[in-house]
C-alpha atoms as a PDB file:
ATOM      1  CA  MET A   1       9.028  -5.939  10.955  1.00  0.00           C
ATOM      2  CA  ARG A   2       5.445  -7.024  11.445  1.00  0.00           C
ATOM      3  CA  LEU A   3       3.265  -9.301   9.325  1.00  0.00           C
ATOM      4  CA  GLY A   4      -0.288  -8.214   8.507  1.00  0.00           C
ATOM      5  CA  VAL A   5      -2.856  -8.487   5.759  1.00  0.00           C
ATOM      6  CA  ALA A   6      -4.916  -6.422   3.370  1.00  0.00           C
ATOM      7  CA  GLY A   7      -7.823  -8.820   3.569  1.00  0.00           C
ATOM      8  CA  LEU A   8      -9.983 -10.887   5.942  1.00  0.00           C
ATOM      9  CA  MET A   9     -12.045  -7.754   6.582  1.00  0.00           C
ATOM     10  CA  PRO A  10     -15.388  -6.424   5.303  1.00  0.00           C
ATOM     11  CA  ARG A  11     -15.369  -4.144   2.256  1.00  0.00           C
ATOM     12  CA  ASP A  12     -16.397  -1.419   4.706  1.00  0.00           C
ATOM     13  CA  ALA A  13     -14.404  -1.464   7.946  1.00  0.00           C
ATOM     14  CA  ARG A  14     -17.453  -0.203   9.816  1.00  0.00           C
ATOM     15  CA  GLN A  15     -18.960  -3.689   9.406  1.00  0.00           C
ATOM     16  CA  VAL A  16     -16.131  -5.416  11.300  1.00  0.00           C
ATOM     17  CA  THR A  17     -17.140  -7.979  13.917  1.00  0.00           C
ATOM     18  CA  ASP A  18     -15.413  -9.819  16.722  1.00  0.00           C
ATOM     19  CA  GLU A  19     -15.339 -12.851  14.424  1.00  0.00           C
ATOM     20  CA  HIS A  20     -13.258 -10.962  11.858  1.00  0.00           C
ATOM     21  CA  ALA A  21     -10.830  -9.845  14.551  1.00  0.00           C
ATOM     22  CA  ALA A  22     -10.612 -13.337  16.074  1.00  0.00           C
ATOM     23  CA  ARG A  23      -9.764 -14.835  12.669  1.00  0.00           C
ATOM     24  CA  LEU A  24      -6.905 -12.388  12.241  1.00  0.00           C
ATOM     25  CA  LYS A  25      -5.597 -13.163  15.714  1.00  0.00           C
ATOM     26  CA  GLN A  26      -5.874 -16.903  15.062  1.00  0.00           C
ATOM     27  CA  LEU A  27      -3.609 -16.544  12.030  1.00  0.00           C
ATOM     28  CA  GLY A  28      -1.141 -14.357  13.927  1.00  0.00           C
ATOM     29  CA  LEU A  29      -1.880 -11.369  11.676  1.00  0.00           C
ATOM     30  CA  LEU A  30      -2.071  -8.550  14.178  1.00  0.00           C
ATOM     31  CA  GLY A  31      -2.235  -5.696  11.674  1.00  0.00           C
ATOM     32  CA  VAL A  32      -4.901  -5.234   9.028  1.00  0.00           C
ATOM     33  CA  THR A  33      -5.979  -2.828   6.315  1.00  0.00           C
ATOM     34  CA  CYS A  34      -9.235  -1.028   7.082  1.00  0.00           C
ATOM     35  CA  LEU A  35     -11.209  -0.282   3.921  1.00  0.00           C
ATOM     36  CA  LEU A  36     -13.141   2.997   3.814  1.00  0.00           C
ATOM     37  CA  PRO A  37     -15.381   3.151   0.720  1.00  0.00           C
ATOM     38  CA  GLN A  38     -16.861   6.516   1.749  1.00  0.00           C
ATOM     39  CA  PRO A  39     -14.368   8.226   4.059  1.00  0.00           C
ATOM     40  CA  GLU A  40     -16.294  11.488   4.126  1.00  0.00           C
ATOM     41  CA  THR A  41     -19.290   9.753   5.695  1.00  0.00           C
ATOM     42  CA  CYS A  42     -17.297   8.058   8.473  1.00  0.00           C
ATOM     43  CA  THR A  43     -17.670   9.431  11.973  1.00  0.00           C
ATOM     44  CA  ARG A  44     -15.239   9.468  14.860  1.00  0.00           C
ATOM     45  CA  GLN A  45     -17.569   7.199  16.814  1.00  0.00           C
ATOM     46  CA  GLU A  46     -17.603   4.635  13.985  1.00  0.00           C
ATOM     47  CA  MET A  47     -13.832   4.611  13.613  1.00  0.00           C
ATOM     48  CA  GLU A  48     -13.307   4.302  17.344  1.00  0.00           C
ATOM     49  CA  HIS A  49     -15.724   1.362  17.318  1.00  0.00           C
ATOM     50  CA  VAL A  50     -13.651  -0.345  14.600  1.00  0.00           C
ATOM     51  CA  ARG A  51     -10.511   0.246  16.624  1.00  0.00           C
ATOM     52  CA  ALA A  52     -12.175  -1.194  19.742  1.00  0.00           C
ATOM     53  CA  VAL A  53     -13.420  -4.340  17.983  1.00  0.00           C
ATOM     54  CA  LEU A  54      -9.972  -5.041  16.567  1.00  0.00           C
ATOM     55  CA  GLY A  55      -8.313  -4.140  19.842  1.00  0.00           C
ATOM     56  CA  ARG A  56     -10.272  -6.730  21.802  1.00  0.00           C
ATOM     57  CA  ALA A  57      -8.402  -9.382  19.793  1.00  0.00           C
ATOM     58  CA  GLY A  58      -5.056  -7.596  19.999  1.00  0.00           C
ATOM     59  CA  VAL A  59      -5.252  -6.449  16.373  1.00  0.00           C
ATOM     60  CA  VAL A  60      -4.536  -2.921  15.121  1.00  0.00           C
ATOM     61  CA  ALA A  61      -5.289  -0.905  12.002  1.00  0.00           C
ATOM     62  CA  ALA A  62      -2.019  -1.206  10.116  1.00  0.00           C
ATOM     63  CA  GLN A  63      -3.319   0.905   7.243  1.00  0.00           C
ATOM     64  CA  ALA A  64      -6.406   2.856   6.207  1.00  0.00           C
ATOM     65  CA  ASN A  65      -7.331   2.441   2.547  1.00  0.00           C
ATOM     66  CA  ALA A  66     -10.048   4.757   1.265  1.00  0.00           C
ATOM     67  CA  GLN A  67     -11.829   5.170  -2.044  1.00  0.00           C
ATOM     68  CA  TYR A  68     -11.542   8.607  -3.630  1.00  0.00           C
ATOM     69  CA  GLU A  69     -11.444  10.298  -7.018  1.00  0.00           C
ATOM     70  CA  ARG A  70      -8.168  10.513  -8.922  1.00  0.00           C
ATOM     71  CA  LEU A  71      -5.645  13.014  -7.577  1.00  0.00           C
ATOM     72  CA  ILE A  72      -4.402  13.623 -11.141  1.00  0.00           C
ATOM     73  CA  ASP A  73      -7.748  14.108 -12.861  1.00  0.00           C
ATOM     74  CA  PRO A  74      -7.666  16.923 -15.463  1.00  0.00           C
ATOM     75  CA  ASP A  75     -11.209  17.783 -14.391  1.00  0.00           C
ATOM     76  CA  ASP A  76     -10.669  20.217 -11.509  1.00  0.00           C
ATOM     77  CA  ARG A  77     -14.000  19.292  -9.968  1.00  0.00           C
ATOM     78  CA  LEU A  78     -13.169  15.598  -9.816  1.00  0.00           C
ATOM     79  CA  ARG A  79      -9.626  16.263  -8.618  1.00  0.00           C
ATOM     80  CA  ALA A  80     -10.977  18.455  -5.821  1.00  0.00           C
ATOM     81  CA  ALA A  81     -13.278  15.606  -4.809  1.00  0.00           C
ATOM     82  CA  GLY A  82     -10.284  13.268  -4.706  1.00  0.00           C
ATOM     83  CA  ILE A  83      -8.351  15.657  -2.490  1.00  0.00           C
ATOM     84  CA  LYS A  84     -11.322  16.031  -0.171  1.00  0.00           C
ATOM     85  CA  GLY A  85     -11.767  12.263   0.035  1.00  0.00           C
ATOM     86  CA  LEU A  86      -8.135  11.625   0.920  1.00  0.00           C
ATOM     87  CA  GLN A  87      -8.212  14.422   3.477  1.00  0.00           C
ATOM     88  CA  ALA A  88     -11.221  12.716   5.063  1.00  0.00           C
ATOM     89  CA  ALA A  89      -9.270   9.453   5.065  1.00  0.00           C
ATOM     90  CA  CYS A  90      -6.559  11.201   7.094  1.00  0.00           C
ATOM     91  CA  ARG A  91      -9.096  12.083   9.764  1.00  0.00           C
ATOM     92  CA  CYS A  92     -10.422   8.525   9.758  1.00  0.00           C
ATOM     93  CA  ALA A  93      -6.884   7.174  10.149  1.00  0.00           C
ATOM     94  CA  ALA A  94      -6.306   9.413  13.144  1.00  0.00           C
ATOM     95  CA  TRP A  95      -9.461   8.054  14.808  1.00  0.00           C
ATOM     96  CA  LEU A  96      -8.439   4.490  13.934  1.00  0.00           C
ATOM     97  CA  ARG A  97      -4.863   5.178  15.078  1.00  0.00           C
ATOM     98  CA  ALA A  98      -3.784   3.553  11.837  1.00  0.00           C
ATOM     99  CA  ASP A  99      -0.072   3.391  11.149  1.00  0.00           C
ATOM    100  CA  SER A 100      -0.531   4.862   7.671  1.00  0.00           C
ATOM    101  CA  VAL A 101      -2.984   6.011   5.018  1.00  0.00           C
ATOM    102  CA  TYR A 102      -2.610   4.260   1.680  1.00  0.00           C
ATOM    103  CA  VAL A 103      -2.270   6.639  -1.288  1.00  0.00           C
ATOM    104  CA  ARG A 104      -2.829   5.756  -4.952  1.00  0.00           C
ATOM    105  CA  PRO A 105      -1.087   8.100  -7.421  1.00  0.00           C
ATOM    106  CA  GLY A 106      -3.662   7.152 -10.055  1.00  0.00           C
ATOM    107  CA  SER A 107      -3.951   6.854 -13.812  1.00  0.00           C
ATOM    108  CA  LEU A 108      -5.612   8.882 -16.545  1.00  0.00           C
ATOM    109  CA  ASN A 109      -7.120   5.661 -17.840  1.00  0.00           C
ATOM    110  CA  ARG A 110     -10.810   5.648 -16.893  1.00  0.00           C
ATOM    111  CA  ALA A 111     -10.628   1.889 -16.320  1.00  0.00           C
ATOM    112  CA  GLY A 112      -9.021   2.420 -12.923  1.00  0.00           C
ATOM    113  CA  HIS A 113      -6.178   3.748 -10.798  1.00  0.00           C
ATOM    114  CA  TRP A 114      -3.828   0.912 -11.785  1.00  0.00           C
ATOM    115  CA  THR A 115      -4.121   0.940 -15.566  1.00  0.00           C
ATOM    116  CA  PRO A 116      -1.818   2.292 -18.315  1.00  0.00           C
ATOM    117  CA  HIS A 117      -2.203   5.573 -20.170  1.00  0.00           C
ATOM    118  CA  PRO A 118       0.287   7.377 -22.447  1.00  0.00           C
ATOM    119  CA  GLU A 119       0.075  10.600 -20.437  1.00  0.00           C
ATOM    120  CA  ASN A 120       0.388   9.080 -16.956  1.00  0.00           C
ATOM    121  CA  THR A 121       3.963  10.270 -16.516  1.00  0.00           C
ATOM    122  CA  SER A 122       3.763  13.558 -18.402  1.00  0.00           C
ATOM    123  CA  ALA A 123       4.984  16.719 -16.684  1.00  0.00           C
ATOM    124  CA  GLU A 124       1.421  18.034 -16.467  1.00  0.00           C
ATOM    125  CA  THR A 125       0.175  14.879 -14.758  1.00  0.00           C
ATOM    126  CA  ILE A 126       3.012  14.920 -12.227  1.00  0.00           C
ATOM    127  CA  GLU A 127       2.328  18.589 -11.521  1.00  0.00           C
ATOM    128  CA  ARG A 128      -1.319  17.819 -10.759  1.00  0.00           C
ATOM    129  CA  LEU A 129      -0.304  14.976  -8.441  1.00  0.00           C
ATOM    130  CA  VAL A 130       2.107  17.208  -6.537  1.00  0.00           C
ATOM    131  CA  ALA A 131      -0.462  20.000  -6.264  1.00  0.00           C
ATOM    132  CA  SER A 132      -3.064  17.560  -4.926  1.00  0.00           C
ATOM    133  CA  LEU A 133      -0.690  16.024  -2.414  1.00  0.00           C
ATOM    134  CA  GLU A 134       0.358  19.452  -1.182  1.00  0.00           C
ATOM    135  CA  GLN A 135      -3.245  20.009  -0.111  1.00  0.00           C
ATOM    136  CA  VAL A 136      -3.593  16.571   1.452  1.00  0.00           C
ATOM    137  CA  VAL A 137      -0.404  16.746   3.532  1.00  0.00           C
ATOM    138  CA  VAL A 138      -1.727  19.844   5.303  1.00  0.00           C
ATOM    139  CA  VAL A 139      -4.466  17.704   6.856  1.00  0.00           C
ATOM    140  CA  ALA A 140      -2.127  14.739   7.378  1.00  0.00           C
ATOM    141  CA  GLU A 141       0.242  16.951   9.334  1.00  0.00           C
ATOM    142  CA  GLU A 142      -2.630  18.397  11.376  1.00  0.00           C
ATOM    143  CA  GLU A 143      -3.928  14.906  12.195  1.00  0.00           C
ATOM    144  CA  ARG A 144      -0.406  13.540  12.751  1.00  0.00           C
ATOM    145  CA  VAL A 145      -0.911  10.670  10.338  1.00  0.00           C
ATOM    146  CA  THR A 146       1.449   9.233   7.746  1.00  0.00           C
ATOM    147  CA  LEU A 147       0.589   9.001   4.074  1.00  0.00           C
ATOM    148  CA  ALA A 148       2.050   5.942   2.324  1.00  0.00           C
ATOM    149  CA  ILE A 149       2.088   6.426  -1.438  1.00  0.00           C
ATOM    150  CA  GLU A 150       2.547   3.453  -3.750  1.00  0.00           C
ATOM    151  CA  GLY A 151       3.775   3.249  -7.327  1.00  0.00           C
ATOM    152  CA  HIS A 152       3.380   0.862 -10.256  1.00  0.00           C
ATOM    153  CA  VAL A 153       4.798   0.606 -13.764  1.00  0.00           C
ATOM    154  CA  VAL A 154       1.329   1.328 -15.211  1.00  0.00           C
ATOM    155  CA  SER A 155       0.663   4.323 -12.959  1.00  0.00           C
ATOM    156  CA  THR A 156       1.807   7.905 -12.650  1.00  0.00           C
ATOM    157  CA  LEU A 157       4.676   6.763 -10.412  1.00  0.00           C
ATOM    158  CA  ASP A 158       6.305   4.106 -12.563  1.00  0.00           C
ATOM    159  CA  THR A 159       9.846   4.138 -11.162  1.00  0.00           C
ATOM    160  CA  ALA A 160      11.533   4.692  -7.822  1.00  0.00           C
ATOM    161  CA  ALA A 161      13.137   7.822  -9.239  1.00  0.00           C
ATOM    162  CA  ARG A 162       9.748   9.301 -10.128  1.00  0.00           C
ATOM    163  CA  VAL A 163       8.404   8.495  -6.666  1.00  0.00           C
ATOM    164  CA  LYS A 164      11.392  10.321  -5.171  1.00  0.00           C
ATOM    165  CA  LEU A 165      10.802  13.287  -7.468  1.00  0.00           C
ATOM    166  CA  VAL A 166       7.255  13.667  -6.126  1.00  0.00           C
ATOM    167  CA  LEU A 167       8.319  13.204  -2.496  1.00  0.00           C
ATOM    168  CA  ASP A 168      10.929  15.924  -2.877  1.00  0.00           C
ATOM    169  CA  ALA A 169       8.505  18.254  -4.653  1.00  0.00           C
ATOM    170  CA  VAL A 170       5.872  17.925  -1.920  1.00  0.00           C
ATOM    171  CA  GLY A 171       8.500  18.167   0.792  1.00  0.00           C
ATOM    172  CA  SER A 172       6.431  16.986   3.757  1.00  0.00           C
ATOM    173  CA  PRO A 173       7.558  14.468   6.386  1.00  0.00           C
ATOM    174  CA  ALA A 174       3.962  13.218   6.404  1.00  0.00           C
ATOM    175  CA  LEU A 175       4.352  11.814   2.873  1.00  0.00           C
ATOM    176  CA  ARG A 176       6.162   8.475   2.847  1.00  0.00           C
ATOM    177  CA  VAL A 177       6.218   5.275   0.775  1.00  0.00           C
ATOM    178  CA  ASN A 178       4.347   1.982   0.680  1.00  0.00           C
ATOM    179  CA  VAL A 179       6.812  -0.242  -1.169  1.00  0.00           C
ATOM    180  CA  ASP A 180       5.743  -3.138  -3.398  1.00  0.00           C
ATOM    181  CA  PRO A 181       8.533  -4.603  -5.539  1.00  0.00           C
ATOM    182  CA  VAL A 182       6.235  -6.598  -7.833  1.00  0.00           C
ATOM    183  CA  ASN A 183       4.577  -3.348  -8.947  1.00  0.00           C
ATOM    184  CA  PHE A 184       7.843  -2.066 -10.390  1.00  0.00           C
ATOM    185  CA  ILE A 185       8.821  -5.062 -12.525  1.00  0.00           C
ATOM    186  CA  PRO A 186       8.675  -3.813 -16.145  1.00  0.00           C
ATOM    187  CA  SER A 187      10.238  -6.649 -18.137  1.00  0.00           C
ATOM    188  CA  ILE A 188      10.896 -10.368 -18.373  1.00  0.00           C
ATOM    189  CA  PRO A 189      14.632 -10.087 -17.511  1.00  0.00           C
ATOM    190  CA  LEU A 190      13.834  -8.124 -14.365  1.00  0.00           C
ATOM    191  CA  ALA A 191      11.058 -10.521 -13.411  1.00  0.00           C
ATOM    192  CA  PHE A 192      13.589 -13.350 -13.396  1.00  0.00           C
ATOM    193  CA  ASN A 193      16.322 -11.261 -11.734  1.00  0.00           C
ATOM    194  CA  ASN A 194      14.383  -8.945  -9.463  1.00  0.00           C
ATOM    195  CA  ARG A 195      17.058  -8.077  -6.910  1.00  0.00           C
ATOM    196  CA  ALA A 196      17.912  -5.105  -9.114  1.00  0.00           C
ATOM    197  CA  ILE A 197      14.369  -3.766  -8.671  1.00  0.00           C
ATOM    198  CA  ILE A 198      14.471  -4.370  -4.922  1.00  0.00           C
ATOM    199  CA  ASP A 199      17.808  -2.572  -4.611  1.00  0.00           C
ATOM    200  CA  ASP A 200      16.635   0.353  -6.727  1.00  0.00           C
ATOM    201  CA  LEU A 201      13.563   0.808  -4.528  1.00  0.00           C
ATOM    202  CA  PHE A 202      15.411   0.703  -1.224  1.00  0.00           C
ATOM    203  CA  ASP A 203      18.499   2.590  -2.412  1.00  0.00           C
ATOM    204  CA  THR A 204      16.308   5.382  -3.786  1.00  0.00           C
ATOM    205  CA  LEU A 205      13.435   5.442  -1.293  1.00  0.00           C
ATOM    206  CA  GLY A 206      14.684   3.653   1.797  1.00  0.00           C
ATOM    207  CA  ASP A 207      14.543   6.663   4.099  1.00  0.00           C
ATOM    208  CA  HIS A 208      10.884   7.161   3.173  1.00  0.00           C
ATOM    209  CA  VAL A 209       9.561   3.590   3.416  1.00  0.00           C
ATOM    210  CA  VAL A 210       6.994   2.986   6.173  1.00  0.00           C
ATOM    211  CA  ALA A 211       5.102  -0.094   4.967  1.00  0.00           C
ATOM    212  CA  ALA A 212       5.027  -2.753   2.281  1.00  0.00           C
ATOM    213  CA  HIS A 213       2.507  -4.715   0.267  1.00  0.00           C
ATOM    214  CA  ILE A 214       3.667  -8.212  -0.549  1.00  0.00           C
ATOM    215  CA  LYS A 215       2.682 -10.601  -3.302  1.00  0.00           C
ATOM    216  CA  ASP A 216       4.579 -12.628  -5.887  1.00  0.00           C
ATOM    217  CA  VAL A 217       5.149 -12.571  -9.638  1.00  0.00           C
ATOM    218  CA  VAL A 218       5.392 -15.015 -12.536  1.00  0.00           C
ATOM    219  CA  VAL A 219       6.127 -14.814 -16.251  1.00  0.00           C
ATOM    220  CA  GLU A 220       3.358 -16.674 -18.060  1.00  0.00           C
ATOM    221  CA  ASP A 221       3.906 -18.916 -21.105  1.00  0.00           C
ATOM    222  CA  ARG A 222       1.781 -16.721 -23.365  1.00  0.00           C
ATOM    223  CA  LEU A 223       2.304 -14.207 -26.155  1.00  0.00           C
ATOM    224  CA  VAL A 224       3.298 -11.396 -26.208  1.00  0.00           C
ATOM    225  CA  VAL A 225       4.404 -10.508 -22.661  1.00  0.00           C
ATOM    226  CA  HIS A 226       2.405 -11.530 -19.619  1.00  0.00           C
ATOM    227  CA  ILE A 227       3.858 -10.743 -16.202  1.00  0.00           C
ATOM    228  CA  ALA A 228       1.252 -11.703 -13.623  1.00  0.00           C
ATOM    229  CA  GLU A 229       0.726 -11.569  -9.866  1.00  0.00           C
ATOM    230  CA  ARG A 230       0.652 -14.651  -7.675  1.00  0.00           C
ATOM    231  CA  PRO A 231       0.135 -15.165  -3.933  1.00  0.00           C
ATOM    232  CA  ALA A 232       3.226 -14.595  -1.822  1.00  0.00           C
ATOM    233  CA  GLY A 233       5.580 -17.562  -2.013  1.00  0.00           C
ATOM    234  CA  GLN A 234       4.294 -18.871  -5.352  1.00  0.00           C
ATOM    235  CA  GLY A 235       6.469 -16.996  -7.812  1.00  0.00           C
ATOM    236  CA  LEU A 236       9.813 -15.492  -8.730  1.00  0.00           C
ATOM    237  CA  LEU A 237      10.215 -12.682  -6.203  1.00  0.00           C
ATOM    238  CA  ASP A 238      13.381 -12.992  -4.133  1.00  0.00           C
ATOM    239  CA  MET A 239      11.374 -12.839  -0.939  1.00  0.00           C
ATOM    240  CA  GLU A 240      14.263 -13.400   1.446  1.00  0.00           C
ATOM    241  CA  TYR A 241      16.260 -10.581  -0.104  1.00  0.00           C
ATOM    242  CA  PHE A 242      13.268  -8.245  -0.033  1.00  0.00           C
ATOM    243  CA  LEU A 243      12.609  -8.973   3.637  1.00  0.00           C
ATOM    244  CA  ARG A 244      16.247  -8.380   4.549  1.00  0.00           C
ATOM    245  CA  ARG A 245      16.209  -4.988   2.814  1.00  0.00           C
ATOM    246  CA  PHE A 246      12.894  -4.093   4.452  1.00  0.00           C
ATOM    247  CA  GLU A 247      14.098  -5.121   7.922  1.00  0.00           C
ATOM    248  CA  GLN A 248      17.240  -3.018   7.500  1.00  0.00           C
ATOM    249  CA  THR A 249      15.189  -0.027   6.396  1.00  0.00           C
ATOM    250  CA  CYS A 250      11.968  -0.238   8.362  1.00  0.00           C
ATOM    251  CA  PRO A 251      12.273  -2.743  11.230  1.00  0.00           C
ATOM    252  CA  ASP A 252       8.964  -1.698  12.836  1.00  0.00           C
ATOM    253  CA  GLY A 253       6.998  -1.487   9.586  1.00  0.00           C
ATOM    254  CA  TRP A 254       4.079  -3.613   8.435  1.00  0.00           C
ATOM    255  CA  VAL A 255       4.443  -6.083   5.568  1.00  0.00           C
ATOM    256  CA  LEU A 256       0.872  -6.586   4.381  1.00  0.00           C
ATOM    257  CA  ILE A 257      -0.143  -9.640   2.351  1.00  0.00           C
ATOM    258  CA  GLU A 258      -2.447  -8.503  -0.462  1.00  0.00           C
ATOM    259  CA  HIS A 259      -4.327  -9.280  -3.665  1.00  0.00           C
ATOM    260  CA  ILE A 260      -5.448 -12.801  -2.795  1.00  0.00           C
ATOM    261  CA  PRO A 261      -8.782 -14.320  -1.768  1.00  0.00           C
ATOM    262  CA  ASP A 262      -9.325 -14.751   1.956  1.00  0.00           C
ATOM    263  CA  GLU A 263      -9.033 -18.533   1.756  1.00  0.00           C
ATOM    264  CA  ALA A 264      -5.471 -18.177   0.399  1.00  0.00           C
ATOM    265  CA  VAL A 265      -4.250 -15.972   3.252  1.00  0.00           C
ATOM    266  CA  PRO A 266      -3.179 -18.790   5.626  1.00  0.00           C
ATOM    267  CA  ASP A 267      -0.864 -20.321   3.021  1.00  0.00           C
ATOM    268  CA  ALA A 268       0.569 -16.904   2.116  1.00  0.00           C
ATOM    269  CA  ALA A 269       1.189 -16.131   5.788  1.00  0.00           C
ATOM    270  CA  ALA A 270       2.952 -19.458   6.212  1.00  0.00           C
ATOM    271  CA  ALA A 271       5.077 -18.718   3.140  1.00  0.00           C
ATOM    272  CA  MET A 272       6.067 -15.335   4.532  1.00  0.00           C
ATOM    273  CA  ARG A 273       7.047 -16.838   7.870  1.00  0.00           C
ATOM    274  CA  ALA A 274       9.112 -19.483   6.089  1.00  0.00           C
ATOM    275  CA  ALA A 275      10.809 -16.830   3.931  1.00  0.00           C
ATOM    276  CA  ALA A 276      11.700 -14.785   7.001  1.00  0.00           C
ATOM    277  CA  GLY A 277      13.153 -17.888   8.621  1.00  0.00           C
ATOM    278  CA  ARG A 278      15.311 -18.610   5.579  1.00  0.00           C
ATOM    279  CA  ALA A 279      16.473 -14.998   5.673  1.00  0.00           C
ATOM    280  CA  GLY A 280      17.441 -15.325   9.336  1.00  0.00           C
ATOM    281  CA  LEU A 281      14.749 -12.881  10.408  1.00  0.00           C
ATOM    282  CA  ALA A 282      11.862 -12.973  12.863  1.00  0.00           C
ATOM    283  CA  TRP A 283       8.466 -11.304  12.755  1.00  0.00           C
ATOM    284  CA  SER A 284       7.769  -9.116  15.756  1.00  0.00           C
END
């Protein structure tokens, strides 16, 4: 398994510099997420330039993460725009030679992709997601890139079982999983005893996992229920157990530190290296 980061990069990968790449190399983070705010406007020349800048420091694009409209939007026009945007991201990923393309299943809540809505897991919403992904995987297969879809308890894909349902319905080897155990913690008991979540994810989805996002989780001393993210190594997640399951399942995959400010990345990277050591594992 390989340690990388979703951070330490410009909000638009096309603005990457040698200084960005050198910082990643200095921290031993040789894989990075490349953000693509407007994938349809990116050119092959621009993506190859990004790849070259990173490559000079020995860094690669671990994942391409693009902005696009919701794949589950009831508005056919907006959903079509989302499909087109993710298809464009597939082409960008091919030019970047990225290991995967990050896929958000979305939410019907207008506040954002990762927000709750009562109809997020309805049959109609799942059907729209499958129909959208069926169009995206055509391009992914043509470009020979891997889609890595992620779930979350507030999103359309709220459980490992529902993720598997969508994978089976789409039925393409190009559609795989970006696993993040913190995203699937739905309750206080499971926050404190999260091996059950980790096992459910890998037992259900293990054959499909290609990458991971890593952060930590805490239960806050507030009413009513507040389960919050923390930087990796600063919470309750059984990190050693997660890394052992990931190594068994996806030994060449990227584990990408995420959702922290850039200045916190060195400490999170150190925590991940320490966790791997305690687990008897080594980062490649």
